[in-house]
Amino acid sequence: MRFYFLVSLLAAVVVVHCTHTFMGTSVYRQLVFHQEVKYSGNTLSKRIEYLNYTLPATFGYGRTIQGLLAYDLTNSASANVTAGGVGFPYVSLRMKSDRRKDIRYDVYIYA
């Protein structure tokens, strides 16, 4: 019984500490956007940057984003979707670093 409690507590700590953002699915979806985002850290403040993406018209009317993956490569930043996302043809991703830390994300968008 103690073992299961310890394992579940450890799993909760790992889930809370994770700074990656996963939305939707990438299974059998077409990769439409990939970029490694890099910004240097500010000396005394947190850095906030936005990544905006809209599906091109060549994909056809009615196509939407089906998956979004944002991998934090520094483990010192957070990413949130502020507009659009899964089910929309556009997305706005807000990335925020800790003080004096860089922002480095590997962003994948699937349609």
N, C-alpha and C. Protein backbone atom coordinates (compact mmCIF):
# COMPACT_ATOMS: atom_id res chain seq x y z
N MET A 1 0.82 -1.20 0.00
CA MET A 1 0.00 0.00 0.00
C MET A 1 0.86 1.26 0.00
N ARG A 2 1.91 1.27 0.76
CA ARG A 2 2.80 2.43 0.80
C ARG A 2 3.48 2.65 -0.55
N PHE A 3 3.79 1.54 -1.23
CA PHE A 3 4.44 1.64 -2.53
C PHE A 3 3.55 2.36 -3.53
N TYR A 4 2.25 2.01 -3.58
CA TYR A 4 1.33 2.65 -4.51
C TYR A 4 1.16 4.14 -4.18
N PHE A 5 1.11 4.46 -2.91
CA PHE A 5 1.00 5.86 -2.51
C PHE A 5 2.23 6.65 -2.94
N LEU A 6 3.42 6.06 -2.75
CA LEU A 6 4.66 6.72 -3.13
C LEU A 6 4.75 6.91 -4.64
N VAL A 7 4.37 5.90 -5.39
CA VAL A 7 4.40 5.99 -6.86
C VAL A 7 3.42 7.05 -7.35
N SER A 8 2.20 7.10 -6.81
CA SER A 8 1.23 8.09 -7.24
C SER A 8 1.67 9.51 -6.85
N LEU A 9 2.30 9.66 -5.70
CA LEU A 9 2.81 10.97 -5.30
C LEU A 9 3.93 11.42 -6.23
N LEU A 10 4.83 10.52 -6.59
CA LEU A 10 5.91 10.84 -7.51
C LEU A 10 5.37 11.20 -8.89
N ALA A 11 4.36 10.49 -9.36
CA ALA A 11 3.75 10.78 -10.65
C ALA A 11 3.09 12.16 -10.63
N ALA A 12 2.46 12.53 -9.54
CA ALA A 12 1.84 13.85 -9.44
C ALA A 12 2.88 14.95 -9.48
N VAL A 13 4.00 14.74 -8.83
CA VAL A 13 5.07 15.74 -8.83
C VAL A 13 5.65 15.89 -10.23
N VAL A 14 5.83 14.80 -10.95
CA VAL A 14 6.37 14.85 -12.31
C VAL A 14 5.40 15.56 -13.24
N VAL A 15 4.11 15.31 -13.13
CA VAL A 15 3.12 15.94 -13.99
C VAL A 15 3.06 17.44 -13.73
N VAL A 16 3.12 17.85 -12.51
CA VAL A 16 3.04 19.27 -12.17
C VAL A 16 4.28 20.01 -12.65
N HIS A 17 5.45 19.39 -12.63
CA HIS A 17 6.69 20.06 -12.99
C HIS A 17 6.91 20.13 -14.50
N CYS A 18 6.16 19.40 -15.28
CA CYS A 18 6.33 19.36 -16.73
C CYS A 18 5.94 20.71 -17.34
N THR A 19 6.78 21.24 -18.24
CA THR A 19 6.50 22.53 -18.85
C THR A 19 6.20 22.42 -20.34
N HIS A 20 6.00 21.24 -20.85
CA HIS A 20 5.65 21.04 -22.26
C HIS A 20 4.16 21.30 -22.44
N THR A 21 3.78 21.66 -23.65
CA THR A 21 2.36 21.88 -23.97
C THR A 21 1.96 20.91 -25.07
N PHE A 22 0.93 20.10 -24.79
CA PHE A 22 0.40 19.14 -25.75
C PHE A 22 -1.10 19.38 -25.87
N MET A 23 -1.57 19.57 -27.10
CA MET A 23 -3.01 19.73 -27.34
C MET A 23 -3.38 18.95 -28.58
N GLY A 24 -4.52 18.30 -28.56
CA GLY A 24 -4.99 17.57 -29.72
C GLY A 24 -4.19 16.31 -29.95
N THR A 25 -4.05 15.92 -31.21
CA THR A 25 -3.35 14.70 -31.56
C THR A 25 -2.49 14.90 -32.80
N SER A 26 -1.44 14.13 -32.88
CA SER A 26 -0.58 14.15 -34.07
C SER A 26 -0.67 12.84 -34.84
N VAL A 27 -1.50 11.92 -34.38
CA VAL A 27 -1.62 10.61 -35.00
C VAL A 27 -2.33 10.72 -36.34
N TYR A 28 -1.68 10.26 -37.40
CA TYR A 28 -2.20 10.32 -38.77
C TYR A 28 -2.55 11.73 -39.21
N ARG A 29 -1.85 12.72 -38.73
CA ARG A 29 -2.06 14.11 -39.11
C ARG A 29 -0.86 14.61 -39.88
N GLN A 30 -1.08 15.59 -40.74
CA GLN A 30 -0.02 16.16 -41.56
C GLN A 30 0.68 17.27 -40.77
N LEU A 31 2.01 17.22 -40.73
CA LEU A 31 2.79 18.27 -40.10
C LEU A 31 2.79 19.49 -41.02
N VAL A 32 2.25 20.61 -40.53
CA VAL A 32 2.17 21.81 -41.36
C VAL A 32 3.13 22.90 -40.91
N PHE A 33 3.66 22.79 -39.70
CA PHE A 33 4.57 23.82 -39.20
C PHE A 33 5.51 23.22 -38.17
N HIS A 34 6.80 23.52 -38.30
CA HIS A 34 7.81 23.13 -37.33
C HIS A 34 8.84 24.23 -37.23
N GLN A 35 9.13 24.64 -36.00
CA GLN A 35 10.13 25.68 -35.79
C GLN A 35 10.72 25.53 -34.39
N GLU A 36 12.03 25.74 -34.30
CA GLU A 36 12.68 25.82 -33.00
C GLU A 36 12.79 27.30 -32.65
N VAL A 37 12.10 27.70 -31.61
CA VAL A 37 12.03 29.09 -31.20
C VAL A 37 13.10 29.36 -30.15
N LYS A 38 13.93 30.40 -30.37
CA LYS A 38 15.01 30.73 -29.43
C LYS A 38 14.99 32.23 -29.15
N TYR A 39 14.95 32.59 -27.88
CA TYR A 39 15.08 33.98 -27.45
C TYR A 39 15.99 34.01 -26.23
N SER A 40 16.87 35.00 -26.17
CA SER A 40 17.76 35.11 -25.02
C SER A 40 17.00 35.73 -23.85
N GLY A 41 17.48 35.46 -22.64
CA GLY A 41 16.82 35.94 -21.43
C GLY A 41 17.13 37.39 -21.13
N ASN A 42 16.19 38.05 -20.44
CA ASN A 42 16.39 39.42 -19.98
C ASN A 42 17.09 39.39 -18.63
N THR A 43 17.82 40.43 -18.31
CA THR A 43 18.62 40.45 -17.09
C THR A 43 17.78 40.44 -15.82
N LEU A 44 16.82 41.33 -15.71
CA LEU A 44 16.09 41.46 -14.46
C LEU A 44 14.62 41.09 -14.55
N SER A 45 14.14 40.74 -15.71
CA SER A 45 12.71 40.46 -15.85
C SER A 45 12.48 39.18 -16.64
N LYS A 46 11.23 38.76 -16.61
CA LYS A 46 10.83 37.59 -17.39
C LYS A 46 10.60 38.02 -18.84
N ARG A 47 10.91 37.14 -19.75
CA ARG A 47 10.72 37.45 -21.17
C ARG A 47 9.43 36.81 -21.64
N ILE A 48 8.62 37.56 -22.38
CA ILE A 48 7.36 37.06 -22.93
C ILE A 48 7.40 37.26 -24.44
N GLU A 49 7.18 36.19 -25.18
CA GLU A 49 7.16 36.23 -26.64
C GLU A 49 5.93 35.49 -27.14
N TYR A 50 5.46 35.87 -28.32
CA TYR A 50 4.29 35.24 -28.94
C TYR A 50 4.69 34.61 -30.27
N LEU A 51 4.09 33.46 -30.56
CA LEU A 51 4.25 32.81 -31.85
C LEU A 51 2.85 32.69 -32.45
N ASN A 52 2.63 33.33 -33.59
CA ASN A 52 1.33 33.30 -34.27
C ASN A 52 1.46 32.50 -35.55
N TYR A 53 0.46 31.63 -35.80
CA TYR A 53 0.47 30.82 -37.02
C TYR A 53 -0.96 30.70 -37.53
N THR A 54 -1.11 30.84 -38.84
CA THR A 54 -2.40 30.66 -39.51
C THR A 54 -2.20 29.65 -40.63
N LEU A 55 -3.13 28.71 -40.77
CA LEU A 55 -3.04 27.74 -41.86
C LEU A 55 -3.14 28.46 -43.21
N PRO A 56 -2.29 28.11 -44.15
CA PRO A 56 -2.36 28.75 -45.47
C PRO A 56 -3.64 28.36 -46.21
N ALA A 57 -4.03 29.19 -47.15
CA ALA A 57 -5.25 28.94 -47.93
C ALA A 57 -5.11 27.72 -48.83
N THR A 58 -3.89 27.27 -49.09
CA THR A 58 -3.68 26.12 -49.98
C THR A 58 -4.18 24.81 -49.36
N PHE A 59 -4.41 24.78 -48.05
CA PHE A 59 -4.91 23.56 -47.42
C PHE A 59 -6.40 23.36 -47.64
N GLY A 60 -7.08 24.38 -48.09
CA GLY A 60 -8.50 24.25 -48.39
C GLY A 60 -9.37 24.82 -47.29
N TYR A 61 -10.58 25.17 -47.67
CA TYR A 61 -11.53 25.77 -46.75
C TYR A 61 -12.01 24.73 -45.74
N GLY A 62 -12.10 25.11 -44.50
CA GLY A 62 -12.61 24.22 -43.47
C GLY A 62 -11.56 23.40 -42.75
N ARG A 63 -10.32 23.45 -43.18
CA ARG A 63 -9.26 22.71 -42.47
C ARG A 63 -8.92 23.42 -41.17
N THR A 64 -8.67 22.66 -40.13
CA THR A 64 -8.35 23.24 -38.84
C THR A 64 -7.12 22.56 -38.25
N ILE A 65 -6.58 23.18 -37.25
CA ILE A 65 -5.44 22.60 -36.53
C ILE A 65 -5.94 21.44 -35.69
N GLN A 66 -5.28 20.30 -35.79
CA GLN A 66 -5.69 19.10 -35.07
C GLN A 66 -4.76 18.76 -33.90
N GLY A 67 -3.55 19.29 -33.93
CA GLY A 67 -2.61 19.00 -32.86
C GLY A 67 -1.56 20.07 -32.73
N LEU A 68 -1.11 20.30 -31.49
CA LEU A 68 -0.09 21.28 -31.21
C LEU A 68 0.83 20.70 -30.13
N LEU A 69 2.11 20.67 -30.43
CA LEU A 69 3.11 20.18 -29.48
C LEU A 69 4.16 21.26 -29.32
N ALA A 70 4.43 21.66 -28.08
CA ALA A 70 5.47 22.65 -27.80
C ALA A 70 6.37 22.06 -26.71
N TYR A 71 7.57 21.63 -27.11
CA TYR A 71 8.52 21.01 -26.18
C TYR A 71 9.45 22.07 -25.62
N ASP A 72 9.48 22.19 -24.30
CA ASP A 72 10.39 23.13 -23.64
C ASP A 72 11.77 22.49 -23.57
N LEU A 73 12.75 23.11 -24.20
CA LEU A 73 14.11 22.56 -24.25
C LEU A 73 14.98 23.04 -23.09
N THR A 74 14.50 24.01 -22.30
CA THR A 74 15.28 24.53 -21.18
C THR A 74 14.71 24.18 -19.82
N ASN A 75 13.47 23.70 -19.77
CA ASN A 75 12.77 23.40 -18.52
C ASN A 75 12.70 24.61 -17.60
N SER A 76 12.60 25.80 -18.19
CA SER A 76 12.50 27.02 -17.38
C SER A 76 11.53 28.02 -18.00
N ALA A 77 10.57 27.55 -18.77
CA ALA A 77 9.61 28.44 -19.41
C ALA A 77 8.23 27.78 -19.42
N SER A 78 7.22 28.56 -19.78
CA SER A 78 5.87 28.02 -19.90
C SER A 78 5.27 28.51 -21.21
N ALA A 79 4.37 27.71 -21.77
CA ALA A 79 3.71 28.07 -23.02
C ALA A 79 2.21 27.86 -22.86
N ASN A 80 1.43 28.83 -23.30
CA ASN A 80 -0.03 28.78 -23.24
C ASN A 80 -0.61 29.21 -24.57
N VAL A 81 -1.73 28.61 -24.93
CA VAL A 81 -2.45 29.02 -26.13
C VAL A 81 -3.39 30.16 -25.72
N THR A 82 -3.23 31.32 -26.34
CA THR A 82 -4.04 32.48 -25.98
C THR A 82 -5.18 32.73 -26.96
N ALA A 83 -5.08 32.21 -28.18
CA ALA A 83 -6.15 32.38 -29.16
C ALA A 83 -6.09 31.22 -30.14
N GLY A 84 -7.26 30.78 -30.58
CA GLY A 84 -7.32 29.69 -31.55
C GLY A 84 -6.90 28.37 -30.93
N GLY A 85 -6.17 27.59 -31.71
CA GLY A 85 -5.71 26.29 -31.23
C GLY A 85 -6.42 25.16 -31.95
N VAL A 86 -6.63 24.07 -31.24
CA VAL A 86 -7.27 22.88 -31.83
C VAL A 86 -8.71 23.21 -32.21
N GLY A 87 -9.06 22.93 -33.47
CA GLY A 87 -10.40 23.22 -33.99
C GLY A 87 -10.50 24.57 -34.68
N PHE A 88 -9.44 25.33 -34.71
CA PHE A 88 -9.40 26.64 -35.37
C PHE A 88 -8.33 26.62 -36.45
N PRO A 89 -8.40 27.50 -37.43
CA PRO A 89 -7.35 27.55 -38.47
C PRO A 89 -6.15 28.42 -38.08
N TYR A 90 -6.10 28.90 -36.85
CA TYR A 90 -4.99 29.74 -36.39
C TYR A 90 -4.68 29.41 -34.92
N VAL A 91 -3.50 29.85 -34.48
CA VAL A 91 -3.12 29.66 -33.08
C VAL A 91 -2.18 30.80 -32.69
N SER A 92 -2.29 31.22 -31.46
CA SER A 92 -1.38 32.19 -30.86
C SER A 92 -0.82 31.54 -29.60
N LEU A 93 0.49 31.36 -29.58
CA LEU A 93 1.16 30.67 -28.47
C LEU A 93 1.98 31.70 -27.70
N ARG A 94 1.71 31.82 -26.40
CA ARG A 94 2.44 32.75 -25.54
C ARG A 94 3.49 31.97 -24.75
N MET A 95 4.75 32.40 -24.88
CA MET A 95 5.86 31.74 -24.19
C MET A 95 6.45 32.71 -23.17
N LYS A 96 6.63 32.24 -21.95
CA LYS A 96 7.12 33.08 -20.87
C LYS A 96 8.25 32.36 -20.16
N SER A 97 9.38 33.05 -19.98
CA SER A 97 10.54 32.44 -19.34
C SER A 97 10.61 32.84 -17.87
N ASP A 98 11.44 32.14 -17.12
CA ASP A 98 11.77 32.56 -15.77
C ASP A 98 12.75 33.72 -15.86
N ARG A 99 12.99 34.38 -14.77
CA ARG A 99 13.93 35.51 -14.75
C ARG A 99 15.32 35.04 -15.17
N ARG A 100 15.95 35.82 -16.05
CA ARG A 100 17.31 35.58 -16.54
C ARG A 100 17.46 34.26 -17.31
N LYS A 101 16.38 33.65 -17.74
CA LYS A 101 16.45 32.37 -18.46
C LYS A 101 16.06 32.58 -19.92
N ASP A 102 16.60 31.72 -20.77
CA ASP A 102 16.28 31.75 -22.20
C ASP A 102 14.96 31.05 -22.46
N ILE A 103 14.36 31.39 -23.61
CA ILE A 103 13.19 30.66 -24.11
C ILE A 103 13.67 29.82 -25.27
N ARG A 104 13.50 28.51 -25.18
CA ARG A 104 13.82 27.60 -26.28
C ARG A 104 12.72 26.55 -26.35
N TYR A 105 11.94 26.62 -27.41
CA TYR A 105 10.85 25.67 -27.63
C TYR A 105 10.99 25.05 -29.01
N ASP A 106 10.56 23.81 -29.11
CA ASP A 106 10.45 23.11 -30.37
C ASP A 106 8.95 22.96 -30.63
N VAL A 107 8.42 23.68 -31.60
CA VAL A 107 6.97 23.77 -31.82
C VAL A 107 6.58 22.99 -33.07
N TYR A 108 5.57 22.11 -32.93
CA TYR A 108 5.01 21.34 -34.03
C TYR A 108 3.52 21.62 -34.10
N ILE A 109 2.99 21.86 -35.32
CA ILE A 109 1.57 22.06 -35.52
C ILE A 109 1.10 21.09 -36.60
N TYR A 110 0.02 20.36 -36.30
CA TYR A 110 -0.53 19.34 -37.21
C TYR A 110 -1.93 19.73 -37.65
N ALA A 111 -2.26 19.41 -38.92
CA ALA A 111 -3.61 19.68 -39.45
C ALA A 111 -4.16 18.41 -40.08
